[in-house]
Amino acid sequence: MCRSIKTLRPPVLEHDATEEDIRAAALQYVRKISGFRAPAAHNQEVFDRAVDAVAEATGELLQDLVVRGAGGAKTAKGAA
């Protein structure tokens, strides 16, 4: 796991993950697996699409996760 990717679900994160938090994690993930910090111009489009896809999947995951703990089961977005 990339050390700069943070856990984005409660209770680890004190607040709901923002779109910025999710996009930053997606960018770090794509950088890690591609081996490129910044892609060459000819790879920029595919790099950006990968970041978008990972961010979308991450958002869906966080929205649908059920976190159990004190206070009962809640989704990561805070709905009961």
PDB file of N, CA and C in Angstrom:
ATOM      1  N   MET A   1       0.861  -1.186   0.000  1.00  0.00           N
ATOM      2  CA  MET A   1       0.000   0.000   0.000  1.00  0.00           C
ATOM      3  C   MET A   1       0.890   1.226   0.000  1.00  0.00           C
ATOM      4  N   CYS A   2       0.495   2.185  -0.769  1.00  0.00           N
ATOM      5  CA  CYS A   2       1.219   3.447  -0.822  1.00  0.00           C
ATOM      6  C   CYS A   2       1.062   4.141   0.530  1.00  0.00           C
ATOM      7  N   ARG A   3       2.148   4.541   1.124  1.00  0.00           N
ATOM      8  CA  ARG A   3       2.087   5.115   2.465  1.00  0.00           C
ATOM      9  C   ARG A   3       1.340   6.433   2.528  1.00  0.00           C
ATOM     10  N   SER A   4       1.236   7.158   1.410  1.00  0.00           N
ATOM     11  CA  SER A   4       0.564   8.453   1.459  1.00  0.00           C
ATOM     12  C   SER A   4      -0.937   8.358   1.212  1.00  0.00           C
ATOM     13  N   ILE A   5      -1.449   7.159   0.964  1.00  0.00           N
ATOM     14  CA  ILE A   5      -2.895   6.990   0.839  1.00  0.00           C
ATOM     15  C   ILE A   5      -3.453   6.767   2.245  1.00  0.00           C
ATOM     16  N   LYS A   6      -4.385   7.610   2.630  1.00  0.00           N
ATOM     17  CA  LYS A   6      -4.965   7.558   3.966  1.00  0.00           C
ATOM     18  C   LYS A   6      -6.296   6.814   3.956  1.00  0.00           C
ATOM     19  N   THR A   7      -6.656   6.245   5.103  1.00  0.00           N
ATOM     20  CA  THR A   7      -7.966   5.626   5.261  1.00  0.00           C
ATOM     21  C   THR A   7      -9.011   6.736   5.198  1.00  0.00           C
ATOM     22  N   LEU A   8     -10.046   6.525   4.384  1.00  0.00           N
ATOM     23  CA  LEU A   8     -11.032   7.582   4.157  1.00  0.00           C
ATOM     24  C   LEU A   8     -12.398   7.303   4.777  1.00  0.00           C
ATOM     25  N   ARG A   9     -12.487   6.334   5.643  1.00  0.00           N
ATOM     26  CA  ARG A   9     -13.780   6.030   6.244  1.00  0.00           C
ATOM     27  C   ARG A   9     -13.752   6.346   7.734  1.00  0.00           C
ATOM     28  N   PRO A  10     -14.936   6.664   8.269  1.00  0.00           N
ATOM     29  CA  PRO A  10     -15.016   6.835   9.711  1.00  0.00           C
ATOM     30  C   PRO A  10     -14.886   5.481  10.391  1.00  0.00           C
ATOM     31  N   PRO A  11     -14.437   5.372  11.586  1.00  0.00           N
ATOM     32  CA  PRO A  11     -14.057   6.466  12.473  1.00  0.00           C
ATOM     33  C   PRO A  11     -12.610   6.905  12.305  1.00  0.00           C
ATOM     34  N   VAL A  12     -11.872   6.298  11.380  1.00  0.00           N
ATOM     35  CA  VAL A  12     -10.469   6.684  11.176  1.00  0.00           C
ATOM     36  C   VAL A  12     -10.386   8.135  10.744  1.00  0.00           C
ATOM     37  N   LEU A  13     -11.186   8.525   9.779  1.00  0.00           N
ATOM     38  CA  LEU A  13     -11.274   9.914   9.334  1.00  0.00           C
ATOM     39  C   LEU A  13     -12.384  10.566  10.142  1.00  0.00           C
ATOM     40  N   GLU A  14     -12.099  11.685  10.773  1.00  0.00           N
ATOM     41  CA  GLU A  14     -13.064  12.304  11.683  1.00  0.00           C
ATOM     42  C   GLU A  14     -14.276  12.887  10.963  1.00  0.00           C
ATOM     43  N   HIS A  15     -14.150  13.142   9.669  1.00  0.00           N
ATOM     44  CA  HIS A  15     -15.250  13.707   8.892  1.00  0.00           C
ATOM     45  C   HIS A  15     -15.463  12.843   7.655  1.00  0.00           C
ATOM     46  N   ASP A  16     -16.553  13.057   6.954  1.00  0.00           N
ATOM     47  CA  ASP A  16     -16.768  12.341   5.703  1.00  0.00           C
ATOM     48  C   ASP A  16     -15.684  12.733   4.713  1.00  0.00           C
ATOM     49  N   ALA A  17     -15.244  11.783   3.927  1.00  0.00           N
ATOM     50  CA  ALA A  17     -14.233  12.061   2.908  1.00  0.00           C
ATOM     51  C   ALA A  17     -14.806  13.032   1.888  1.00  0.00           C
ATOM     52  N   THR A  18     -14.030  14.034   1.554  1.00  0.00           N
ATOM     53  CA  THR A  18     -14.451  14.998   0.546  1.00  0.00           C
ATOM     54  C   THR A  18     -14.064  14.485  -0.832  1.00  0.00           C
ATOM     55  N   GLU A  19     -14.612  15.105  -1.868  1.00  0.00           N
ATOM     56  CA  GLU A  19     -14.208  14.750  -3.225  1.00  0.00           C
ATOM     57  C   GLU A  19     -12.706  14.965  -3.407  1.00  0.00           C
ATOM     58  N   GLU A  20     -12.178  15.985  -2.762  1.00  0.00           N
ATOM     59  CA  GLU A  20     -10.738  16.261  -2.825  1.00  0.00           C
ATOM     60  C   GLU A  20      -9.935  15.127  -2.174  1.00  0.00           C
ATOM     61  N   ASP A  21     -10.390  14.637  -1.023  1.00  0.00           N
ATOM     62  CA  ASP A  21      -9.729  13.513  -0.350  1.00  0.00           C
ATOM     63  C   ASP A  21      -9.723  12.275  -1.256  1.00  0.00           C
ATOM     64  N   ILE A  22     -10.880  12.008  -1.862  1.00  0.00           N
ATOM     65  CA  ILE A  22     -11.022  10.830  -2.710  1.00  0.00           C
ATOM     66  C   ILE A  22     -10.146  10.950  -3.953  1.00  0.00           C
ATOM     67  N   ARG A  23     -10.151  12.108  -4.577  1.00  0.00           N
ATOM     68  CA  ARG A  23      -9.342  12.319  -5.791  1.00  0.00           C
ATOM     69  C   ARG A  23      -7.852  12.214  -5.465  1.00  0.00           C
ATOM     70  N   ALA A  24      -7.421  12.752  -4.330  1.00  0.00           N
ATOM     71  CA  ALA A  24      -6.011  12.677  -3.947  1.00  0.00           C
ATOM     72  C   ALA A  24      -5.582  11.224  -3.744  1.00  0.00           C
ATOM     73  N   ALA A  25      -6.427  10.427  -3.110  1.00  0.00           N
ATOM     74  CA  ALA A  25      -6.109   9.009  -2.915  1.00  0.00           C
ATOM     75  C   ALA A  25      -6.065   8.280  -4.250  1.00  0.00           C
ATOM     76  N   ALA A  26      -7.007   8.600  -5.141  1.00  0.00           N
ATOM     77  CA  ALA A  26      -7.035   7.971  -6.468  1.00  0.00           C
ATOM     78  C   ALA A  26      -5.775   8.322  -7.256  1.00  0.00           C
ATOM     79  N   LEU A  27      -5.366   9.567  -7.182  1.00  0.00           N
ATOM     80  CA  LEU A  27      -4.148   9.999  -7.876  1.00  0.00           C
ATOM     81  C   LEU A  27      -2.928   9.255  -7.350  1.00  0.00           C
ATOM     82  N   GLN A  28      -2.817   9.129  -6.032  1.00  0.00           N
ATOM     83  CA  GLN A  28      -1.688   8.405  -5.442  1.00  0.00           C
ATOM     84  C   GLN A  28      -1.678   6.943  -5.874  1.00  0.00           C
ATOM     85  N   TYR A  29      -2.860   6.338  -5.916  1.00  0.00           N
ATOM     86  CA  TYR A  29      -2.971   4.943  -6.337  1.00  0.00           C
ATOM     87  C   TYR A  29      -2.511   4.776  -7.783  1.00  0.00           C
ATOM     88  N   VAL A  30      -2.998   5.610  -8.674  1.00  0.00           N
ATOM     89  CA  VAL A  30      -2.626   5.513 -10.089  1.00  0.00           C
ATOM     90  C   VAL A  30      -1.138   5.790 -10.270  1.00  0.00           C
ATOM     91  N   ARG A  31      -0.603   6.752  -9.541  1.00  0.00           N
ATOM     92  CA  ARG A  31       0.845   7.017  -9.602  1.00  0.00           C
ATOM     93  C   ARG A  31       1.637   5.780  -9.186  1.00  0.00           C
ATOM     94  N   LYS A  32       1.188   5.147  -8.106  1.00  0.00           N
ATOM     95  CA  LYS A  32       1.894   3.984  -7.585  1.00  0.00           C
ATOM     96  C   LYS A  32       1.882   2.830  -8.578  1.00  0.00           C
ATOM     97  N   ILE A  33       0.710   2.490  -9.104  1.00  0.00           N
ATOM     98  CA  ILE A  33       0.643   1.315  -9.966  1.00  0.00           C
ATOM     99  C   ILE A  33       1.206   1.573 -11.356  1.00  0.00           C
ATOM    100  N   SER A  34       1.185   2.846 -11.812  1.00  0.00           N
ATOM    101  CA  SER A  34       1.736   3.145 -13.138  1.00  0.00           C
ATOM    102  C   SER A  34       3.248   3.340 -13.083  1.00  0.00           C
ATOM    103  N   GLY A  35       3.757   3.707 -11.921  1.00  0.00           N
ATOM    104  CA  GLY A  35       5.181   3.983 -11.795  1.00  0.00           C
ATOM    105  C   GLY A  35       5.561   5.382 -12.254  1.00  0.00           C
ATOM    106  N   PHE A  36       4.566   6.214 -12.541  1.00  0.00           N
ATOM    107  CA  PHE A  36       4.820   7.581 -12.998  1.00  0.00           C
ATOM    108  C   PHE A  36       4.225   8.583 -12.028  1.00  0.00           C
ATOM    109  N   ARG A  37       5.043   9.540 -11.592  1.00  0.00           N
ATOM    110  CA  ARG A  37       4.516  10.619 -10.771  1.00  0.00           C
ATOM    111  C   ARG A  37       3.678  11.550 -11.635  1.00  0.00           C
ATOM    112  N   ALA A  38       4.177  11.830 -12.821  1.00  0.00           N
ATOM    113  CA  ALA A  38       3.456  12.642 -13.803  1.00  0.00           C
ATOM    114  C   ALA A  38       3.639  11.961 -15.152  1.00  0.00           C
ATOM    115  N   PRO A  39       2.568  11.684 -15.843  1.00  0.00           N
ATOM    116  CA  PRO A  39       2.679  10.974 -17.114  1.00  0.00           C
ATOM    117  C   PRO A  39       3.204  11.876 -18.234  1.00  0.00           C
ATOM    118  N   ALA A  40       3.798  11.264 -19.231  1.00  0.00           N
ATOM    119  CA  ALA A  40       4.198  11.987 -20.435  1.00  0.00           C
ATOM    120  C   ALA A  40       2.931  12.464 -21.145  1.00  0.00           C
ATOM    121  N   ALA A  41       3.066  13.453 -21.985  1.00  0.00           N
ATOM    122  CA  ALA A  41       1.916  14.036 -22.684  1.00  0.00           C
ATOM    123  C   ALA A  41       1.099  12.972 -23.419  1.00  0.00           C
ATOM    124  N   HIS A  42       1.762  11.998 -24.015  1.00  0.00           N
ATOM    125  CA  HIS A  42       1.037  10.976 -24.773  1.00  0.00           C
ATOM    126  C   HIS A  42       0.284   9.993 -23.874  1.00  0.00           C
ATOM    127  N   ASN A  43       0.542  10.019 -22.574  1.00  0.00           N
ATOM    128  CA  ASN A  43      -0.169   9.156 -21.626  1.00  0.00           C
ATOM    129  C   ASN A  43      -1.122   9.927 -20.706  1.00  0.00           C
ATOM    130  N   GLN A  44      -1.177  11.243 -20.854  1.00  0.00           N
ATOM    131  CA  GLN A  44      -1.969  12.063 -19.933  1.00  0.00           C
ATOM    132  C   GLN A  44      -3.448  11.676 -19.929  1.00  0.00           C
ATOM    133  N   GLU A  45      -4.030  11.462 -21.091  1.00  0.00           N
ATOM    134  CA  GLU A  45      -5.464  11.153 -21.169  1.00  0.00           C
ATOM    135  C   GLU A  45      -5.794   9.839 -20.462  1.00  0.00           C
ATOM    136  N   VAL A  46      -5.025   8.809 -20.721  1.00  0.00           N
ATOM    137  CA  VAL A  46      -5.297   7.512 -20.092  1.00  0.00           C
ATOM    138  C   VAL A  46      -5.035   7.584 -18.583  1.00  0.00           C
ATOM    139  N   PHE A  47      -4.034   8.337 -18.176  1.00  0.00           N
ATOM    140  CA  PHE A  47      -3.730   8.541 -16.761  1.00  0.00           C
ATOM    141  C   PHE A  47      -4.915   9.223 -16.074  1.00  0.00           C
ATOM    142  N   ASP A  48      -5.425  10.300 -16.691  1.00  0.00           N
ATOM    143  CA  ASP A  48      -6.557  11.032 -16.121  1.00  0.00           C
ATOM    144  C   ASP A  48      -7.818  10.162 -16.057  1.00  0.00           C
ATOM    145  N   ARG A  49      -8.042   9.357 -17.078  1.00  0.00           N
ATOM    146  CA  ARG A  49      -9.202   8.450 -17.065  1.00  0.00           C
ATOM    147  C   ARG A  49      -9.083   7.445 -15.925  1.00  0.00           C
ATOM    148  N   ALA A  50      -7.872   6.953 -15.694  1.00  0.00           N
ATOM    149  CA  ALA A  50      -7.664   5.992 -14.609  1.00  0.00           C
ATOM    150  C   ALA A  50      -7.940   6.651 -13.259  1.00  0.00           C
ATOM    151  N   VAL A  51      -7.466   7.871 -13.065  1.00  0.00           N
ATOM    152  CA  VAL A  51      -7.720   8.584 -11.813  1.00  0.00           C
ATOM    153  C   VAL A  51      -9.224   8.786 -11.626  1.00  0.00           C
ATOM    154  N   ASP A  52      -9.918   9.177 -12.692  1.00  0.00           N
ATOM    155  CA  ASP A  52     -11.373   9.368 -12.615  1.00  0.00           C
ATOM    156  C   ASP A  52     -12.085   8.074 -12.233  1.00  0.00           C
ATOM    157  N   ALA A  53     -11.680   6.963 -12.855  1.00  0.00           N
ATOM    158  CA  ALA A  53     -12.321   5.672 -12.591  1.00  0.00           C
ATOM    159  C   ALA A  53     -12.081   5.218 -11.152  1.00  0.00           C
ATOM    160  N   VAL A  54     -10.859   5.375 -10.672  1.00  0.00           N
ATOM    161  CA  VAL A  54     -10.545   4.977  -9.298  1.00  0.00           C
ATOM    162  C   VAL A  54     -11.288   5.878  -8.311  1.00  0.00           C
ATOM    163  N   ALA A  55     -11.355   7.169  -8.585  1.00  0.00           N
ATOM    164  CA  ALA A  55     -12.074   8.095  -7.702  1.00  0.00           C
ATOM    165  C   ALA A  55     -13.562   7.740  -7.657  1.00  0.00           C
ATOM    166  N   GLU A  56     -14.144   7.421  -8.805  1.00  0.00           N
ATOM    167  CA  GLU A  56     -15.556   7.053  -8.842  1.00  0.00           C
ATOM    168  C   GLU A  56     -15.809   5.770  -8.051  1.00  0.00           C
ATOM    169  N   ALA A  57     -14.974   4.765  -8.256  1.00  0.00           N
ATOM    170  CA  ALA A  57     -15.133   3.502  -7.526  1.00  0.00           C
ATOM    171  C   ALA A  57     -14.946   3.720  -6.023  1.00  0.00           C
ATOM    172  N   THR A  58     -14.010   4.573  -5.652  1.00  0.00           N
ATOM    173  CA  THR A  58     -13.768   4.862  -4.238  1.00  0.00           C
ATOM    174  C   THR A  58     -14.966   5.562  -3.617  1.00  0.00           C
ATOM    175  N   GLY A  59     -15.522   6.524  -4.324  1.00  0.00           N
ATOM    176  CA  GLY A  59     -16.705   7.221  -3.832  1.00  0.00           C
ATOM    177  C   GLY A  59     -17.871   6.277  -3.617  1.00  0.00           C
ATOM    178  N   GLU A  60     -18.082   5.364  -4.574  1.00  0.00           N
ATOM    179  CA  GLU A  60     -19.152   4.367  -4.440  1.00  0.00           C
ATOM    180  C   GLU A  60     -18.894   3.447  -3.263  1.00  0.00           C
ATOM    181  N   LEU A  61     -17.667   3.014  -3.102  1.00  0.00           N
ATOM    182  CA  LEU A  61     -17.316   2.154  -1.978  1.00  0.00           C
ATOM    183  C   LEU A  61     -17.612   2.844  -0.652  1.00  0.00           C
ATOM    184  N   LEU A  62     -17.127   4.073  -0.505  1.00  0.00           N
ATOM    185  CA  LEU A  62     -17.333   4.792   0.748  1.00  0.00           C
ATOM    186  C   LEU A  62     -18.813   5.064   1.004  1.00  0.00           C
ATOM    187  N   GLN A  63     -19.564   5.326  -0.043  1.00  0.00           N
ATOM    188  CA  GLN A  63     -20.997   5.587   0.110  1.00  0.00           C
ATOM    189  C   GLN A  63     -21.741   4.343   0.584  1.00  0.00           C
ATOM    190  N   ASP A  64     -21.320   3.173   0.117  1.00  0.00           N
ATOM    191  CA  ASP A  64     -22.048   1.939   0.399  1.00  0.00           C
ATOM    192  C   ASP A  64     -21.505   1.139   1.582  1.00  0.00           C
ATOM    193  N   LEU A  65     -20.329   1.470   2.082  1.00  0.00           N
ATOM    194  CA  LEU A  65     -19.764   0.738   3.214  1.00  0.00           C
ATOM    195  C   LEU A  65     -20.647   0.881   4.444  1.00  0.00           C
ATOM    196  N   VAL A  66     -20.733  -0.184   5.192  1.00  0.00           N
ATOM    197  CA  VAL A  66     -21.412  -0.149   6.480  1.00  0.00           C
ATOM    198  C   VAL A  66     -20.333  -0.291   7.543  1.00  0.00           C
ATOM    199  N   VAL A  67     -20.251   0.718   8.405  1.00  0.00           N
ATOM    200  CA  VAL A  67     -19.242   0.732   9.464  1.00  0.00           C
ATOM    201  C   VAL A  67     -19.949   0.461  10.775  1.00  0.00           C
ATOM    202  N   ARG A  68     -19.511  -0.578  11.447  1.00  0.00           N
ATOM    203  CA  ARG A  68     -20.128  -0.939  12.727  1.00  0.00           C
ATOM    204  C   ARG A  68     -19.243  -0.480  13.866  1.00  0.00           C
ATOM    205  N   GLY A  69     -19.865  -0.042  14.918  1.00  0.00           N
ATOM    206  CA  GLY A  69     -19.114   0.402  16.088  1.00  0.00           C
ATOM    207  C   GLY A  69     -20.050   1.060  17.070  1.00  0.00           C
ATOM    208  N   ALA A  70     -19.488   1.792  17.975  1.00  0.00           N
ATOM    209  CA  ALA A  70     -20.308   2.512  18.950  1.00  0.00           C
ATOM    210  C   ALA A  70     -21.284   3.414  18.211  1.00  0.00           C
ATOM    211  N   GLY A  71     -22.527   3.364  18.565  1.00  0.00           N
ATOM    212  CA  GLY A  71     -23.532   4.177  17.901  1.00  0.00           C
ATOM    213  C   GLY A  71     -24.273   3.420  16.814  1.00  0.00           C
ATOM    214  N   GLY A  72     -23.997   2.145  16.666  1.00  0.00           N
ATOM    215  CA  GLY A  72     -24.728   1.343  15.694  1.00  0.00           C
ATOM    216  C   GLY A  72     -24.092   1.348  14.328  1.00  0.00           C
ATOM    217  N   ALA A  73     -24.709   0.602  13.425  1.00  0.00           N
ATOM    218  CA  ALA A  73     -24.205   0.502  12.055  1.00  0.00           C
ATOM    219  C   ALA A  73     -24.532   1.765  11.288  1.00  0.00           C
ATOM    220  N   LYS A  74     -23.549   2.284  10.590  1.00  0.00           N
ATOM    221  CA  LYS A  74     -23.729   3.464   9.750  1.00  0.00           C
ATOM    222  C   LYS A  74     -22.967   3.254   8.471  1.00  0.00           C
ATOM    223  N   THR A  75     -23.427   3.899   7.429  1.00  0.00           N
ATOM    224  CA  THR A  75     -22.622   3.882   6.215  1.00  0.00           C
ATOM    225  C   THR A  75     -21.498   4.872   6.412  1.00  0.00           C
ATOM    226  N   ALA A  76     -20.494   4.782   5.577  1.00  0.00           N
ATOM    227  CA  ALA A  76     -19.356   5.675   5.689  1.00  0.00           C
ATOM    228  C   ALA A  76     -19.763   7.130   5.489  1.00  0.00           C
ATOM    229  N   LYS A  77     -20.858   7.388   4.784  1.00  0.00           N
ATOM    230  CA  LYS A  77     -21.329   8.754   4.580  1.00  0.00           C
ATOM    231  C   LYS A  77     -22.194   9.256   5.720  1.00  0.00           C
ATOM    232  N   GLY A  78     -22.410   8.420   6.746  1.00  0.00           N
ATOM    233  CA  GLY A  78     -23.108   8.861   7.943  1.00  0.00           C
ATOM    234  C   GLY A  78     -24.586   8.543   7.995  1.00  0.00           C
ATOM    235  N   ALA A  79     -25.150   7.941   6.971  1.00  0.00           N
ATOM    236  CA  ALA A  79     -26.566   7.596   7.015  1.00  0.00           C
ATOM    237  C   ALA A  79     -26.763   6.352   7.873  1.00  0.00           C
ATOM    238  N   ALA A  80     -27.861   6.279   8.581  1.00  0.00           N
ATOM    239  CA  ALA A  80     -28.124   5.105   9.418  1.00  0.00           C
ATOM    240  C   ALA A  80     -28.594   3.946   8.610  1.00  0.00           C
TER     241      ALA A  80
END
